[in-house]
PDB file of N, CA and C in Angstrom:
ATOM      1  N   MET A   1     -32.912 188.090  11.281  1.00  0.00           N
ATOM      2  CA  MET A   1     -31.850 187.809  10.503  1.00  0.00           C
ATOM      3  C   MET A   1     -31.103 186.450  10.124  1.00  0.00           C
ATOM      4  N   LYS A   2     -31.269 186.022   9.100  1.00  0.00           N
ATOM      5  CA  LYS A   2     -31.009 185.059   8.654  1.00  0.00           C
ATOM      6  C   LYS A   2     -29.083 184.499   8.372  1.00  0.00           C
ATOM      7  N   ASN A   3     -28.563 183.999   9.387  1.00  0.00           N
ATOM      8  CA  ASN A   3     -27.228 184.075   8.644  1.00  0.00           C
ATOM      9  C   ASN A   3     -27.033 183.108   7.839  1.00  0.00           C
ATOM     10  N   ILE A   4     -26.077 183.013   6.852  1.00  0.00           N
ATOM     11  CA  ILE A   4     -25.845 181.697   5.867  1.00  0.00           C
ATOM     12  C   ILE A   4     -24.410 181.780   5.539  1.00  0.00           C
ATOM     13  N   ASN A   5     -23.458 180.657   6.153  1.00  0.00           N
ATOM     14  CA  ASN A   5     -22.427 180.575   6.043  1.00  0.00           C
ATOM     15  C   ASN A   5     -21.751 180.279   4.910  1.00  0.00           C
ATOM     16  N   LEU A   6     -21.178 180.621   4.081  1.00  0.00           N
ATOM     17  CA  LEU A   6     -20.470 180.113   2.589  1.00  0.00           C
ATOM     18  C   LEU A   6     -19.513 179.024   2.750  1.00  0.00           C
ATOM     19  N   ASP A   7     -18.988 178.516   3.794  1.00  0.00           N
ATOM     20  CA  ASP A   7     -17.954 177.712   3.826  1.00  0.00           C
ATOM     21  C   ASP A   7     -18.043 177.053   2.794  1.00  0.00           C
ATOM     22  N   ASP A   8     -18.786 175.972   2.413  1.00  0.00           N
ATOM     23  CA  ASP A   8     -19.080 174.970   1.543  1.00  0.00           C
ATOM     24  C   ASP A   8     -18.765 175.301   0.383  1.00  0.00           C
ATOM     25  N   PHE A   9     -19.160 176.619  -0.136  1.00  0.00           N
ATOM     26  CA  PHE A   9     -17.975 176.987  -1.681  1.00  0.00           C
ATOM     27  C   PHE A   9     -17.134 177.426  -1.330  1.00  0.00           C
ATOM     28  N   GLY A  10     -15.837 177.449  -0.603  1.00  0.00           N
ATOM     29  CA  GLY A  10     -14.930 178.493  -0.686  1.00  0.00           C
ATOM     30  C   GLY A  10     -13.721 176.605  -0.822  1.00  0.00           C
ATOM     31  N   PRO A  11     -12.785 177.641  -0.737  1.00  0.00           N
ATOM     32  CA  PRO A  11     -12.125 179.004  -0.341  1.00  0.00           C
ATOM     33  C   PRO A  11     -12.408 179.974  -1.585  1.00  0.00           C
ATOM     34  N   ILE A  12     -12.444 179.295  -2.778  1.00  0.00           N
ATOM     35  CA  ILE A  12     -12.107 180.522  -3.658  1.00  0.00           C
ATOM     36  C   ILE A  12     -13.727 180.206  -4.827  1.00  0.00           C
ATOM     37  N   ILE A  13     -14.877 181.150  -4.504  1.00  0.00           N
ATOM     38  CA  ILE A  13     -15.900 181.172  -5.430  1.00  0.00           C
ATOM     39  C   ILE A  13     -15.412 181.731  -7.136  1.00  0.00           C
ATOM     40  N   SER A  14     -15.784 180.438  -7.480  1.00  0.00           N
ATOM     41  CA  SER A  14     -15.336 181.068  -8.767  1.00  0.00           C
ATOM     42  C   SER A  14     -15.726 180.001 -10.426  1.00  0.00           C
ATOM     43  N   THR A  15     -16.877 179.297 -10.281  1.00  0.00           N
ATOM     44  CA  THR A  15     -17.912 178.848 -11.065  1.00  0.00           C
ATOM     45  C   THR A  15     -19.080 179.661 -11.285  1.00  0.00           C
ATOM     46  N   LYS A  16     -19.303 179.820 -12.376  1.00  0.00           N
ATOM     47  CA  LYS A  16     -21.038 180.226 -12.495  1.00  0.00           C
ATOM     48  C   LYS A  16     -22.227 179.270 -11.103  1.00  0.00           C
ATOM     49  N   GLU A  17     -21.942 178.065 -11.497  1.00  0.00           N
ATOM     50  CA  GLU A  17     -22.837 177.095 -10.491  1.00  0.00           C
ATOM     51  C   GLU A  17     -22.588 177.696  -9.360  1.00  0.00           C
ATOM     52  N   SER A  18     -21.546 177.936  -8.866  1.00  0.00           N
ATOM     53  CA  SER A  18     -21.440 178.611  -7.016  1.00  0.00           C
ATOM     54  C   SER A  18     -22.108 179.530  -7.198  1.00  0.00           C
ATOM     55  N   GLY A  19     -22.014 180.545  -8.359  1.00  0.00           N
ATOM     56  CA  GLY A  19     -22.857 181.703  -7.999  1.00  0.00           C
ATOM     57  C   GLY A  19     -24.427 182.066  -8.067  1.00  0.00           C
ATOM     58  N   GLY A  20     -24.598 180.920  -8.786  1.00  0.00           N
ATOM     59  CA  GLY A  20     -26.335 180.773  -9.064  1.00  0.00           C
ATOM     60  C   GLY A  20     -26.910 180.007  -7.389  1.00  0.00           C
ATOM     61  N   LYS A  21     -25.909 179.096  -7.187  1.00  0.00           N
ATOM     62  CA  LYS A  21     -26.461 178.263  -5.902  1.00  0.00           C
ATOM     63  C   LYS A  21     -26.318 179.357  -4.933  1.00  0.00           C
ATOM     64  N   ILE A  22     -25.766 180.420  -4.665  1.00  0.00           N
ATOM     65  CA  ILE A  22     -25.472 181.543  -3.839  1.00  0.00           C
ATOM     66  C   ILE A  22     -26.190 182.437  -3.624  1.00  0.00           C
ATOM     67  N   LEU A  23     -26.572 182.769  -5.356  1.00  0.00           N
ATOM     68  CA  LEU A  23     -27.914 183.960  -5.367  1.00  0.00           C
ATOM     69  C   LEU A  23     -29.122 183.225  -5.249  1.00  0.00           C
ATOM     70  N   LYS A  24     -29.246 182.178  -5.289  1.00  0.00           N
ATOM     71  CA  LYS A  24     -30.295 180.966  -4.832  1.00  0.00           C
ATOM     72  C   LYS A  24     -31.046 181.138  -3.605  1.00  0.00           C
ATOM     73  N   ILE A  25     -29.749 180.694  -2.697  1.00  0.00           N
ATOM     74  CA  ILE A  25     -29.786 180.363  -0.919  1.00  0.00           C
ATOM     75  C   ILE A  25     -30.304 181.988  -0.520  1.00  0.00           C
ATOM     76  N   ILE A  26     -29.183 183.045  -1.445  1.00  0.00           N
ATOM     77  CA  ILE A  26     -29.501 184.313  -0.590  1.00  0.00           C
ATOM     78  C   ILE A  26     -31.031 184.659  -0.688  1.00  0.00           C
ATOM     79  N   THR A  27     -31.734 184.519  -2.050  1.00  0.00           N
ATOM     80  CA  THR A  27     -32.729 185.450  -2.297  1.00  0.00           C
ATOM     81  C   THR A  27     -33.869 184.687  -1.941  1.00  0.00           C
ATOM     82  N   GLU A  28     -34.057 182.954  -1.340  1.00  0.00           N
ATOM     83  CA  GLU A  28     -34.753 182.564  -0.892  1.00  0.00           C
ATOM     84  C   GLU A  28     -34.504 182.958   0.580  1.00  0.00           C
ATOM     85  N   ASN A  29     -33.774 183.154   1.178  1.00  0.00           N
ATOM     86  CA  ASN A  29     -33.682 183.840   2.758  1.00  0.00           C
ATOM     87  C   ASN A  29     -34.332 185.005   2.935  1.00  0.00           C
ATOM     88  N   LEU A  30     -33.711 186.490   1.561  1.00  0.00           N
ATOM     89  CA  LEU A  30     -34.243 187.462   2.047  1.00  0.00           C
ATOM     90  C   LEU A  30     -36.192 187.088   2.074  1.00  0.00           C
ATOM     91  N   LYS A  31     -36.697 186.388   1.044  1.00  0.00           N
ATOM     92  CA  LYS A  31     -37.868 186.054   0.904  1.00  0.00           C
ATOM     93  C   LYS A  31     -38.910 186.085   2.319  1.00  0.00           C
ATOM     94  N   ALA A  32     -37.783 184.858   3.055  1.00  0.00           N
ATOM     95  CA  ALA A  32     -38.367 184.450   4.164  1.00  0.00           C
ATOM     96  C   ALA A  32     -38.187 185.401   5.306  1.00  0.00           C
ATOM     97  N   ASP A  33     -37.072 186.100   5.566  1.00  0.00           N
ATOM     98  CA  ASP A  33     -36.600 186.549   6.639  1.00  0.00           C
ATOM     99  C   ASP A  33     -36.182 187.769   6.416  1.00  0.00           C
ATOM    100  N   ASN A  34     -36.750 188.194   5.331  1.00  0.00           N
ATOM    101  CA  ASN A  34     -36.072 189.777   5.182  1.00  0.00           C
ATOM    102  C   ASN A  34     -34.820 190.459   5.224  1.00  0.00           C
ATOM    103  N   LYS A  35     -34.052 189.630   5.715  1.00  0.00           N
ATOM    104  CA  LYS A  35     -32.738 190.361   6.137  1.00  0.00           C
ATOM    105  C   LYS A  35     -31.546 188.696   6.295  1.00  0.00           C
ATOM    106  N   VAL A  36     -30.844 189.015   5.745  1.00  0.00           N
ATOM    107  CA  VAL A  36     -29.171 188.081   5.772  1.00  0.00           C
ATOM    108  C   VAL A  36     -28.214 188.589   6.113  1.00  0.00           C
ATOM    109  N   SER A  37     -27.647 187.861   6.979  1.00  0.00           N
ATOM    110  CA  SER A  37     -26.058 187.924   7.211  1.00  0.00           C
ATOM    111  C   SER A  37     -25.417 186.782   6.381  1.00  0.00           C
ATOM    112  N   LEU A  38     -23.978 187.404   5.418  1.00  0.00           N
ATOM    113  CA  LEU A  38     -23.496 186.497   4.903  1.00  0.00           C
ATOM    114  C   LEU A  38     -22.026 186.040   5.462  1.00  0.00           C
ATOM    115  N   ASP A  39     -21.799 184.904   5.917  1.00  0.00           N
ATOM    116  CA  ASP A  39     -20.752 184.908   6.562  1.00  0.00           C
ATOM    117  C   ASP A  39     -19.470 184.088   5.551  1.00  0.00           C
ATOM    118  N   LEU A  40     -18.601 184.779   5.614  1.00  0.00           N
ATOM    119  CA  LEU A  40     -17.240 184.408   3.989  1.00  0.00           C
ATOM    120  C   LEU A  40     -16.045 184.347   4.959  1.00  0.00           C
ATOM    121  N   LYS A  41     -16.251 183.801   6.444  1.00  0.00           N
ATOM    122  CA  LYS A  41     -14.926 183.755   6.814  1.00  0.00           C
ATOM    123  C   LYS A  41     -13.964 182.258   6.330  1.00  0.00           C
ATOM    124  N   LYS A  42     -14.245 182.007   5.924  1.00  0.00           N
ATOM    125  CA  LYS A  42     -13.491 180.731   4.547  1.00  0.00           C
ATOM    126  C   LYS A  42     -13.401 181.174   3.241  1.00  0.00           C
ATOM    127  N   ILE A  43     -13.820 181.955   3.142  1.00  0.00           N
ATOM    128  CA  ILE A  43     -13.247 182.185   1.950  1.00  0.00           C
ATOM    129  C   ILE A  43     -12.807 183.384   1.227  1.00  0.00           C
ATOM    130  N   ARG A  44     -11.455 182.848   0.609  1.00  0.00           N
ATOM    131  CA  ARG A  44     -10.374 183.786   0.341  1.00  0.00           C
ATOM    132  C   ARG A  44     -10.640 184.895  -0.881  1.00  0.00           C
ATOM    133  N   SER A  45     -11.249 184.010  -1.720  1.00  0.00           N
ATOM    134  CA  SER A  45     -11.166 184.847  -3.143  1.00  0.00           C
ATOM    135  C   SER A  45     -12.769 184.612  -3.648  1.00  0.00           C
ATOM    136  N   MET A  46     -12.420 185.344  -4.826  1.00  0.00           N
ATOM    137  CA  MET A  46     -14.230 185.248  -5.677  1.00  0.00           C
ATOM    138  C   MET A  46     -13.627 186.053  -6.628  1.00  0.00           C
ATOM    139  N   ALA A  47     -14.145 185.286  -7.867  1.00  0.00           N
ATOM    140  CA  ALA A  47     -14.083 185.707  -9.001  1.00  0.00           C
ATOM    141  C   ALA A  47     -15.302 186.790  -9.121  1.00  0.00           C
ATOM    142  N   THR A  48     -14.752 187.848 -10.088  1.00  0.00           N
ATOM    143  CA  THR A  48     -15.299 189.267  -9.849  1.00  0.00           C
ATOM    144  C   THR A  48     -16.975 188.917 -10.748  1.00  0.00           C
ATOM    145  N   PHE A  49     -16.965 187.615 -11.652  1.00  0.00           N
ATOM    146  CA  PHE A  49     -18.147 187.560 -12.195  1.00  0.00           C
ATOM    147  C   PHE A  49     -18.757 186.675 -11.185  1.00  0.00           C
ATOM    148  N   CYS A  50     -18.454 186.386 -10.590  1.00  0.00           N
ATOM    149  CA  CYS A  50     -19.356 185.731  -9.683  1.00  0.00           C
ATOM    150  C   CYS A  50     -19.865 186.800  -8.699  1.00  0.00           C
ATOM    151  N   ALA A  51     -18.562 187.705  -7.969  1.00  0.00           N
ATOM    152  CA  ALA A  51     -19.189 188.951  -7.075  1.00  0.00           C
ATOM    153  C   ALA A  51     -20.465 189.508  -8.016  1.00  0.00           C
ATOM    154  N   LYS A  52     -20.104 189.735  -9.324  1.00  0.00           N
ATOM    155  CA  LYS A  52     -21.296 190.607 -10.224  1.00  0.00           C
ATOM    156  C   LYS A  52     -22.427 189.710  -9.943  1.00  0.00           C
ATOM    157  N   GLN A  53     -22.471 188.450 -10.148  1.00  0.00           N
ATOM    158  CA  GLN A  53     -23.382 187.664 -10.790  1.00  0.00           C
ATOM    159  C   GLN A  53     -24.192 187.265  -9.133  1.00  0.00           C
ATOM    160  N   ILE A  54     -23.751 187.730  -7.899  1.00  0.00           N
ATOM    161  CA  ILE A  54     -23.986 187.376  -6.568  1.00  0.00           C
ATOM    162  C   ILE A  54     -25.148 188.579  -6.331  1.00  0.00           C
ATOM    163  N   PHE A  55     -24.225 189.247  -5.948  1.00  0.00           N
ATOM    164  CA  PHE A  55     -23.919 191.015  -5.384  1.00  0.00           C
ATOM    165  C   PHE A  55     -24.636 191.949  -6.269  1.00  0.00           C
ATOM    166  N   GLY A  56     -23.855 191.811  -7.258  1.00  0.00           N
ATOM    167  CA  GLY A  56     -24.659 192.937  -8.408  1.00  0.00           C
ATOM    168  C   GLY A  56     -25.573 192.851  -8.728  1.00  0.00           C
ATOM    169  N   LYS A  57     -26.463 191.852  -9.019  1.00  0.00           N
ATOM    170  CA  LYS A  57     -27.757 191.040  -9.078  1.00  0.00           C
ATOM    171  C   LYS A  57     -28.471 191.557  -8.296  1.00  0.00           C
ATOM    172  N   LEU A  58     -28.003 191.095  -6.852  1.00  0.00           N
ATOM    173  CA  LEU A  58     -29.142 191.793  -5.610  1.00  0.00           C
ATOM    174  C   LEU A  58     -29.048 193.050  -5.445  1.00  0.00           C
ATOM    175  N   TYR A  59     -27.770 194.190  -5.712  1.00  0.00           N
ATOM    176  CA  TYR A  59     -27.619 195.053  -5.562  1.00  0.00           C
ATOM    177  C   TYR A  59     -29.139 195.983  -6.852  1.00  0.00           C
ATOM    178  N   VAL A  60     -28.607 195.585  -7.985  1.00  0.00           N
ATOM    179  CA  VAL A  60     -29.271 196.071  -8.983  1.00  0.00           C
ATOM    180  C   VAL A  60     -30.994 195.844  -8.691  1.00  0.00           C
ATOM    181  N   THR A  61     -31.595 194.389  -8.531  1.00  0.00           N
ATOM    182  CA  THR A  61     -32.356 193.984  -8.194  1.00  0.00           C
ATOM    183  C   THR A  61     -33.223 194.585  -6.989  1.00  0.00           C
ATOM    184  N   LEU A  62     -32.557 194.643  -6.035  1.00  0.00           N
ATOM    185  CA  LEU A  62     -32.842 195.592  -4.753  1.00  0.00           C
ATOM    186  C   LEU A  62     -33.328 197.093  -4.637  1.00  0.00           C
ATOM    187  N   GLY A  63     -32.020 197.472  -5.384  1.00  0.00           N
ATOM    188  CA  GLY A  63     -31.728 199.003  -4.669  1.00  0.00           C
ATOM    189  C   GLY A  63     -30.957 198.900  -3.904  1.00  0.00           C
ATOM    190  N   ALA A  64     -29.990 200.279  -3.724  1.00  0.00           N
ATOM    191  CA  ALA A  64     -28.962 200.446  -2.991  1.00  0.00           C
ATOM    192  C   ALA A  64     -29.899 200.785  -1.746  1.00  0.00           C
ATOM    193  N   GLU A  65     -30.813 201.482  -1.459  1.00  0.00           N
ATOM    194  CA  GLU A  65     -31.018 201.396  -0.010  1.00  0.00           C
ATOM    195  C   GLU A  65     -31.419 199.728   0.562  1.00  0.00           C
ATOM    196  N   LYS A  66     -32.139 199.340  -0.167  1.00  0.00           N
ATOM    197  CA  LYS A  66     -32.751 197.893   0.339  1.00  0.00           C
ATOM    198  C   LYS A  66     -31.621 197.185   0.622  1.00  0.00           C
ATOM    199  N   PHE A  67     -30.266 196.934  -0.662  1.00  0.00           N
ATOM    200  CA  PHE A  67     -29.403 196.089  -0.931  1.00  0.00           C
ATOM    201  C   PHE A  67     -28.735 196.214   1.268  1.00  0.00           C
ATOM    202  N   PHE A  68     -28.541 197.075   1.327  1.00  0.00           N
ATOM    203  CA  PHE A  68     -27.325 197.541   2.316  1.00  0.00           C
ATOM    204  C   PHE A  68     -28.429 197.589   3.587  1.00  0.00           C
ATOM    205  N   GLU A  69     -29.549 197.827   3.923  1.00  0.00           N
ATOM    206  CA  GLU A  69     -30.843 197.747   5.054  1.00  0.00           C
ATOM    207  C   GLU A  69     -30.838 195.949   4.926  1.00  0.00           C
ATOM    208  N   ASN A  70     -30.569 194.988   3.957  1.00  0.00           N
ATOM    209  CA  ASN A  70     -30.916 193.823   3.997  1.00  0.00           C
ATOM    210  C   ASN A  70     -29.930 192.680   4.037  1.00  0.00           C
ATOM    211  N   ILE A  71     -28.926 193.267   3.134  1.00  0.00           N
ATOM    212  CA  ILE A  71     -27.731 192.344   3.212  1.00  0.00           C
ATOM    213  C   ILE A  71     -26.189 192.827   3.944  1.00  0.00           C
ATOM    214  N   GLU A  72     -26.099 191.658   4.833  1.00  0.00           N
ATOM    215  CA  GLU A  72     -24.992 191.899   5.817  1.00  0.00           C
ATOM    216  C   GLU A  72     -23.718 191.136   5.683  1.00  0.00           C
ATOM    217  N   VAL A  73     -22.628 191.635   4.788  1.00  0.00           N
ATOM    218  CA  VAL A  73     -21.376 191.147   4.824  1.00  0.00           C
ATOM    219  C   VAL A  73     -20.835 190.657   5.771  1.00  0.00           C
ATOM    220  N   VAL A  74     -20.298 189.681   6.453  1.00  0.00           N
ATOM    221  CA  VAL A  74     -18.829 189.210   7.554  1.00  0.00           C
ATOM    222  C   VAL A  74     -17.925 188.482   7.499  1.00  0.00           C
ATOM    223  N   ASN A  75     -17.119 188.571   8.235  1.00  0.00           N
ATOM    224  CA  ASN A  75     -15.930 187.826   8.299  1.00  0.00           C
ATOM    225  C   ASN A  75     -15.002 188.201   6.797  1.00  0.00           C
ATOM    226  N   ALA A  76     -15.631 188.906   5.626  1.00  0.00           N
ATOM    227  CA  ALA A  76     -14.518 189.475   4.393  1.00  0.00           C
ATOM    228  C   ALA A  76     -13.154 190.018   4.860  1.00  0.00           C
ATOM    229  N   SER A  77     -12.374 189.623   3.769  1.00  0.00           N
ATOM    230  CA  SER A  77     -11.244 190.060   4.372  1.00  0.00           C
ATOM    231  C   SER A  77     -11.531 191.546   3.155  1.00  0.00           C
ATOM    232  N   ASP A  78     -10.437 192.473   3.357  1.00  0.00           N
ATOM    233  CA  ASP A  78     -10.185 193.554   2.931  1.00  0.00           C
ATOM    234  C   ASP A  78     -10.289 193.488   0.866  1.00  0.00           C
ATOM    235  N   ASP A  79      -9.681 192.614   0.803  1.00  0.00           N
ATOM    236  CA  ASP A  79     -10.036 192.085  -0.743  1.00  0.00           C
ATOM    237  C   ASP A  79     -10.975 191.769  -1.015  1.00  0.00           C
ATOM    238  N   LEU A  80     -11.647 190.411  -0.093  1.00  0.00           N
ATOM    239  CA  LEU A  80     -13.197 190.418  -0.874  1.00  0.00           C
ATOM    240  C   LEU A  80     -13.324 191.714  -0.747  1.00  0.00           C
ATOM    241  N   LYS A  81     -13.669 192.312  -0.354  1.00  0.00           N
ATOM    242  CA  LYS A  81     -14.719 193.494  -0.040  1.00  0.00           C
ATOM    243  C   LYS A  81     -14.956 194.173  -1.500  1.00  0.00           C
ATOM    244  N   SER A  82     -13.276 194.508  -1.883  1.00  0.00           N
ATOM    245  CA  SER A  82     -12.825 194.903  -2.849  1.00  0.00           C
ATOM    246  C   SER A  82     -13.583 194.551  -4.164  1.00  0.00           C
ATOM    247  N   ILE A  83     -13.263 192.874  -4.274  1.00  0.00           N
ATOM    248  CA  ILE A  83     -14.093 192.063  -5.273  1.00  0.00           C
ATOM    249  C   ILE A  83     -15.451 192.218  -5.557  1.00  0.00           C
ATOM    250  N   ILE A  84     -16.272 192.387  -4.341  1.00  0.00           N
ATOM    251  CA  ILE A  84     -17.572 192.625  -4.243  1.00  0.00           C
ATOM    252  C   ILE A  84     -18.288 193.839  -5.069  1.00  0.00           C
ATOM    253  N   LYS A  85     -17.585 194.844  -4.454  1.00  0.00           N
ATOM    254  CA  LYS A  85     -17.658 196.214  -4.864  1.00  0.00           C
ATOM    255  C   LYS A  85     -17.251 196.132  -6.510  1.00  0.00           C
ATOM    256  N   ILE A  86     -16.311 195.593  -6.897  1.00  0.00           N
ATOM    257  CA  ILE A  86     -16.193 195.941  -8.719  1.00  0.00           C
ATOM    258  C   ILE A  86     -17.180 195.048  -9.219  1.00  0.00           C
ATOM    259  N   GLY A  87     -17.584 193.359  -8.338  1.00  0.00           N
ATOM    260  CA  GLY A  87     -19.147 192.948  -8.901  1.00  0.00           C
ATOM    261  C   GLY A  87     -20.207 193.680  -8.998  1.00  0.00           C
ATOM    262  N   ILE A  88     -20.509 194.400  -8.061  1.00  0.00           N
ATOM    263  CA  ILE A  88     -21.736 195.815  -7.911  1.00  0.00           C
ATOM    264  C   ILE A  88     -21.706 196.877  -8.839  1.00  0.00           C
ATOM    265  N   GLN A  89     -20.416 197.493  -9.135  1.00  0.00           N
ATOM    266  CA  GLN A  89     -20.272 198.654 -10.133  1.00  0.00           C
ATOM    267  C   GLN A  89     -19.955 197.603 -11.517  1.00  0.00           C
ATOM    268  N   SER A  90     -19.740 196.640 -11.588  1.00  0.00           N
ATOM    269  CA  SER A  90     -20.097 196.208 -12.853  1.00  0.00           C
ATOM    270  C   SER A  90     -21.701 195.984 -13.277  1.00  0.00           C
ATOM    271  N   ALA A  91     -21.997 195.260 -12.401  1.00  0.00           N
ATOM    272  CA  ALA A  91     -23.532 195.317 -12.505  1.00  0.00           C
ATOM    273  C   ALA A  91     -24.558 196.535 -13.138  1.00  0.00           C
ATOM    274  N   ILE A  92     -24.443 197.396 -11.880  1.00  0.00           N
ATOM    275  CA  ILE A  92     -24.722 198.922 -12.328  1.00  0.00           C
ATOM    276  C   ILE A  92     -24.440 199.411 -13.396  1.00  0.00           C
ATOM    277  N   GLN A  93     -23.047 199.620 -13.985  1.00  0.00           N
ATOM    278  CA  GLN A  93     -22.489 199.654 -15.028  1.00  0.00           C
ATOM    279  C   GLN A  93     -23.601 199.005 -16.835  1.00  0.00           C
ATOM    280  N   GLU A  94     -23.746 198.171 -16.169  1.00  0.00           N
ATOM    281  CA  GLU A  94     -24.167 197.048 -17.350  1.00  0.00           C
ATOM    282  C   GLU A  94     -25.767 196.834 -17.032  1.00  0.00           C
ATOM    283  N   ASN A  95     -26.741 197.892 -15.794  1.00  0.00           N
ATOM    284  CA  ASN A  95     -27.586 197.035 -15.911  1.00  0.00           C
ATOM    285  C   ASN A  95     -28.310 196.228 -15.424  1.00  0.00           C
ATOM    286  N   VAL A  96     -27.514 195.243 -15.124  1.00  0.00           N
ATOM    287  CA  VAL A  96     -27.922 194.034 -14.967  1.00  0.00           C
ATOM    288  C   VAL A  96     -29.191 193.142 -14.037  1.00  0.00           C
ATOM    289  N   SER A  97     -30.447 193.268 -14.417  1.00  0.00           N
ATOM    290  CA  SER A  97     -31.546 192.673 -13.886  1.00  0.00           C
ATOM    291  C   SER A  97     -32.179 191.281 -14.299  1.00  0.00           C
ATOM    292  N   ASP A  98     -31.409 190.621 -15.301  1.00  0.00           N
ATOM    293  CA  ASP A  98     -31.567 188.936 -15.877  1.00  0.00           C
ATOM    294  C   ASP A  98     -30.821 188.448 -15.025  1.00  0.00           C
TER     295      ASP A  98
END
């Protein structure tokens, strides 16, 4: 499992550019290692569109089972976990796959 620390993108992930970079890092590491652990220790918040861009896209692309098997989120606050869930729900509703 590859550990990915997102501290450099914080404390608030709020731009499309940051979301794109994070998605690219995760995607590249998933190809290499199949599983990733995302450390959100220093991330206080995230724009919901970034959560959709990152986690929603991964969820729709991988499917629920592979998403939960291959992606682990650690050190995330309850608020951040809620934002990630909202992003995933939004992506599912819109069936975002691009």
